[in-house]
């Protein structure tokens, strides 16, 4: 089973990398972009086929290592 974890900064946390990308897009004359938020995606290949166990394990991984839960949110997708 594969787990896809998307990590992004919480609303209200300044995203300096997103601001830099937004500025670069403006400089390249891409219009219509109101805001940019940059995050990260982590793809895990798991040995288990038990979705309940996989979700529990990946949530624990996120809480302990993959995300800084003080300033970041995460979403998990099992495929």
N, C-alpha and C. Protein backbone atom coordinates (compact mmCIF):
# COMPACT_ATOMS: atom_id res chain seq x y z
N UNK A 1 0.85 -1.18 0.00
CA UNK A 1 0.00 0.00 0.00
C UNK A 1 0.89 1.24 0.00
N UNK A 2 0.41 2.25 -0.64
CA UNK A 2 1.14 3.52 -0.70
C UNK A 2 0.40 4.56 0.11
N UNK A 3 1.16 5.36 0.85
CA UNK A 3 0.60 6.49 1.59
C UNK A 3 1.21 7.77 1.03
N UNK A 4 0.36 8.71 0.72
CA UNK A 4 0.82 10.02 0.23
C UNK A 4 0.47 11.04 1.30
N UNK A 5 1.51 11.73 1.78
CA UNK A 5 1.34 12.73 2.84
C UNK A 5 1.64 14.10 2.24
N UNK A 6 0.67 14.99 2.29
CA UNK A 6 0.86 16.37 1.85
C UNK A 6 0.97 17.26 3.09
N UNK A 7 2.07 17.98 3.18
CA UNK A 7 2.34 18.85 4.33
C UNK A 7 2.35 20.29 3.85
N UNK A 8 1.62 21.15 4.55
CA UNK A 8 1.59 22.57 4.18
C UNK A 8 1.59 23.41 5.45
N UNK A 9 2.01 24.65 5.30
CA UNK A 9 1.99 25.57 6.43
C UNK A 9 0.55 25.89 6.81
N UNK A 10 0.31 26.04 8.10
CA UNK A 10 -1.01 26.40 8.57
C UNK A 10 -1.38 27.80 8.08
N UNK A 11 -2.66 28.03 7.95
CA UNK A 11 -3.16 29.36 7.59
C UNK A 11 -2.66 30.36 8.62
N UNK A 12 -2.15 31.46 8.16
CA UNK A 12 -1.65 32.49 9.06
C UNK A 12 -0.15 32.44 9.27
N UNK A 13 0.48 31.33 8.90
CA UNK A 13 1.93 31.23 9.01
C UNK A 13 2.54 31.79 7.73
N UNK A 14 3.48 32.72 7.87
CA UNK A 14 4.11 33.34 6.72
C UNK A 14 4.84 32.30 5.88
N UNK A 15 4.55 32.27 4.59
CA UNK A 15 5.19 31.35 3.65
C UNK A 15 6.12 32.16 2.76
N UNK A 16 7.36 32.34 3.20
CA UNK A 16 8.31 33.17 2.45
C UNK A 16 8.65 32.54 1.11
N UNK A 17 8.71 31.22 1.04
CA UNK A 17 8.98 30.57 -0.24
C UNK A 17 7.81 30.78 -1.20
N UNK A 18 6.60 30.70 -0.70
CA UNK A 18 5.43 30.97 -1.52
C UNK A 18 5.42 32.40 -2.04
N UNK A 19 5.81 33.35 -1.17
CA UNK A 19 5.87 34.75 -1.61
C UNK A 19 6.91 34.93 -2.71
N UNK A 20 8.05 34.25 -2.59
CA UNK A 20 9.11 34.35 -3.61
C UNK A 20 8.62 33.77 -4.94
N UNK A 21 7.92 32.65 -4.90
CA UNK A 21 7.38 32.05 -6.12
C UNK A 21 6.33 32.97 -6.73
N UNK A 22 5.48 33.57 -5.89
CA UNK A 22 4.46 34.49 -6.39
C UNK A 22 5.10 35.68 -7.09
N UNK A 23 6.15 36.23 -6.48
CA UNK A 23 6.86 37.35 -7.08
C UNK A 23 7.49 36.94 -8.42
N UNK A 24 8.08 35.75 -8.47
CA UNK A 24 8.69 35.27 -9.71
C UNK A 24 7.65 35.08 -10.81
N UNK A 25 6.48 34.57 -10.45
CA UNK A 25 5.42 34.40 -11.44
C UNK A 25 4.96 35.75 -11.97
N UNK A 26 4.84 36.74 -11.09
CA UNK A 26 4.50 38.10 -11.53
C UNK A 26 5.56 38.63 -12.49
N UNK A 27 6.83 38.40 -12.16
CA UNK A 27 7.93 38.87 -13.01
C UNK A 27 7.91 38.23 -14.39
N UNK A 28 7.40 37.00 -14.45
CA UNK A 28 7.30 36.29 -15.73
C UNK A 28 5.98 36.57 -16.44
N UNK A 29 5.21 37.52 -15.92
CA UNK A 29 3.96 38.00 -16.52
C UNK A 29 2.85 36.95 -16.51
N UNK A 30 2.84 36.09 -15.48
CA UNK A 30 1.70 35.19 -15.28
C UNK A 30 0.70 35.94 -14.41
N UNK A 31 -0.44 36.27 -15.00
CA UNK A 31 -1.44 37.03 -14.27
C UNK A 31 -2.49 36.09 -13.69
N UNK A 32 -3.27 36.60 -12.77
CA UNK A 32 -4.37 35.83 -12.21
C UNK A 32 -3.98 34.93 -11.05
N UNK A 33 -2.75 35.01 -10.58
CA UNK A 33 -2.33 34.22 -9.42
C UNK A 33 -2.44 35.14 -8.20
N UNK A 34 -3.37 34.83 -7.31
CA UNK A 34 -3.60 35.68 -6.15
C UNK A 34 -2.68 35.36 -4.98
N UNK A 35 -2.32 34.09 -4.83
CA UNK A 35 -1.48 33.69 -3.70
C UNK A 35 -0.81 32.38 -4.04
N UNK A 36 0.34 32.13 -3.44
CA UNK A 36 1.06 30.87 -3.62
C UNK A 36 1.46 30.36 -2.25
N UNK A 37 1.20 29.10 -2.00
CA UNK A 37 1.64 28.42 -0.78
C UNK A 37 2.46 27.22 -1.24
N UNK A 38 3.64 27.05 -0.68
CA UNK A 38 4.52 25.95 -1.05
C UNK A 38 4.52 24.94 0.09
N UNK A 39 4.39 23.67 -0.26
CA UNK A 39 4.41 22.60 0.73
C UNK A 39 5.33 21.49 0.28
N UNK A 40 5.11 20.32 0.86
CA UNK A 40 5.92 19.17 0.46
C UNK A 40 5.02 17.94 0.42
N UNK A 41 5.43 16.99 -0.41
CA UNK A 41 4.71 15.73 -0.52
C UNK A 41 5.67 14.60 -0.21
N UNK A 42 5.24 13.69 0.64
CA UNK A 42 6.04 12.53 1.03
C UNK A 42 5.26 11.29 0.62
N UNK A 43 5.91 10.41 -0.14
CA UNK A 43 5.27 9.17 -0.60
C UNK A 43 5.94 8.00 0.12
N UNK A 44 5.13 7.22 0.81
CA UNK A 44 5.63 6.08 1.58
C UNK A 44 5.07 4.79 1.00
N UNK A 45 5.92 3.81 0.77
CA UNK A 45 5.47 2.48 0.37
C UNK A 45 5.42 1.62 1.63
N UNK A 46 4.25 1.14 1.97
CA UNK A 46 4.05 0.39 3.22
C UNK A 46 3.87 -1.09 2.93
N UNK A 47 4.29 -1.92 3.89
CA UNK A 47 4.17 -3.37 3.75
C UNK A 47 2.75 -3.87 4.00
N UNK A 48 1.99 -3.15 4.79
CA UNK A 48 0.66 -3.61 5.20
C UNK A 48 -0.41 -3.29 4.15
N UNK A 49 -1.46 -4.11 4.14
CA UNK A 49 -2.64 -3.83 3.33
C UNK A 49 -3.82 -3.45 4.22
N UNK A 50 -3.59 -3.41 5.52
CA UNK A 50 -4.62 -3.04 6.50
C UNK A 50 -4.70 -1.52 6.56
N UNK A 51 -5.77 -0.95 6.02
CA UNK A 51 -5.89 0.52 5.94
C UNK A 51 -5.94 1.17 7.31
N UNK A 52 -6.60 0.54 8.26
CA UNK A 52 -6.69 1.12 9.60
C UNK A 52 -5.30 1.20 10.23
N UNK A 53 -4.53 0.11 10.13
CA UNK A 53 -3.18 0.09 10.68
C UNK A 53 -2.28 1.07 9.94
N UNK A 54 -2.39 1.11 8.62
CA UNK A 54 -1.57 2.02 7.82
C UNK A 54 -1.84 3.47 8.20
N UNK A 55 -3.11 3.84 8.33
CA UNK A 55 -3.46 5.22 8.68
C UNK A 55 -2.92 5.56 10.06
N UNK A 56 -3.07 4.66 11.00
CA UNK A 56 -2.56 4.88 12.35
C UNK A 56 -1.04 5.07 12.35
N UNK A 57 -0.34 4.21 11.61
CA UNK A 57 1.12 4.29 11.54
C UNK A 57 1.58 5.60 10.90
N UNK A 58 0.94 5.98 9.81
CA UNK A 58 1.35 7.19 9.09
C UNK A 58 1.02 8.44 9.91
N UNK A 59 -0.11 8.45 10.60
CA UNK A 59 -0.43 9.58 11.48
C UNK A 59 0.65 9.74 12.55
N UNK A 60 1.09 8.63 13.12
CA UNK A 60 2.14 8.68 14.14
C UNK A 60 3.44 9.20 13.52
N UNK A 61 3.77 8.76 12.31
CA UNK A 61 4.98 9.25 11.61
C UNK A 61 4.91 10.76 11.41
N UNK A 62 3.73 11.24 11.02
CA UNK A 62 3.55 12.68 10.80
C UNK A 62 3.72 13.46 12.10
N UNK A 63 3.11 12.97 13.15
CA UNK A 63 3.16 13.66 14.44
C UNK A 63 4.57 13.68 15.03
N UNK A 64 5.35 12.62 14.77
CA UNK A 64 6.67 12.51 15.39
C UNK A 64 7.81 13.00 14.51
N UNK A 65 7.63 12.99 13.18
CA UNK A 65 8.77 13.32 12.32
C UNK A 65 8.42 14.12 11.06
N UNK A 66 7.42 13.69 10.33
CA UNK A 66 7.22 14.22 8.98
C UNK A 66 6.67 15.64 8.93
N UNK A 67 5.96 16.06 9.95
CA UNK A 67 5.38 17.41 9.97
C UNK A 67 5.69 18.09 11.29
N UNK A 68 5.93 19.38 11.23
CA UNK A 68 6.06 20.19 12.44
C UNK A 68 4.65 20.69 12.75
N UNK A 69 3.94 19.98 13.61
CA UNK A 69 2.52 20.24 13.81
C UNK A 69 2.22 21.57 14.50
N UNK A 70 3.26 22.26 14.95
CA UNK A 70 3.05 23.60 15.52
C UNK A 70 2.71 24.58 14.39
N UNK A 71 3.37 24.42 13.24
CA UNK A 71 3.17 25.37 12.14
C UNK A 71 2.68 24.72 10.85
N UNK A 72 2.57 23.39 10.82
CA UNK A 72 2.18 22.70 9.59
C UNK A 72 0.96 21.80 9.82
N UNK A 73 0.16 21.69 8.77
CA UNK A 73 -0.93 20.74 8.69
C UNK A 73 -0.52 19.63 7.74
N UNK A 74 -1.16 18.48 7.86
CA UNK A 74 -0.87 17.40 6.93
C UNK A 74 -2.16 16.66 6.57
N UNK A 75 -2.14 16.08 5.39
CA UNK A 75 -3.26 15.26 4.91
C UNK A 75 -2.65 13.94 4.44
N UNK A 76 -3.33 12.85 4.73
CA UNK A 76 -2.86 11.53 4.35
C UNK A 76 -3.85 10.91 3.38
N UNK A 77 -3.32 10.35 2.29
CA UNK A 77 -4.13 9.62 1.32
C UNK A 77 -3.52 8.23 1.19
N UNK A 78 -4.33 7.20 1.36
CA UNK A 78 -3.88 5.83 1.18
C UNK A 78 -4.35 5.34 -0.18
N UNK A 79 -3.42 4.79 -0.96
CA UNK A 79 -3.77 4.29 -2.30
C UNK A 79 -3.21 2.90 -2.50
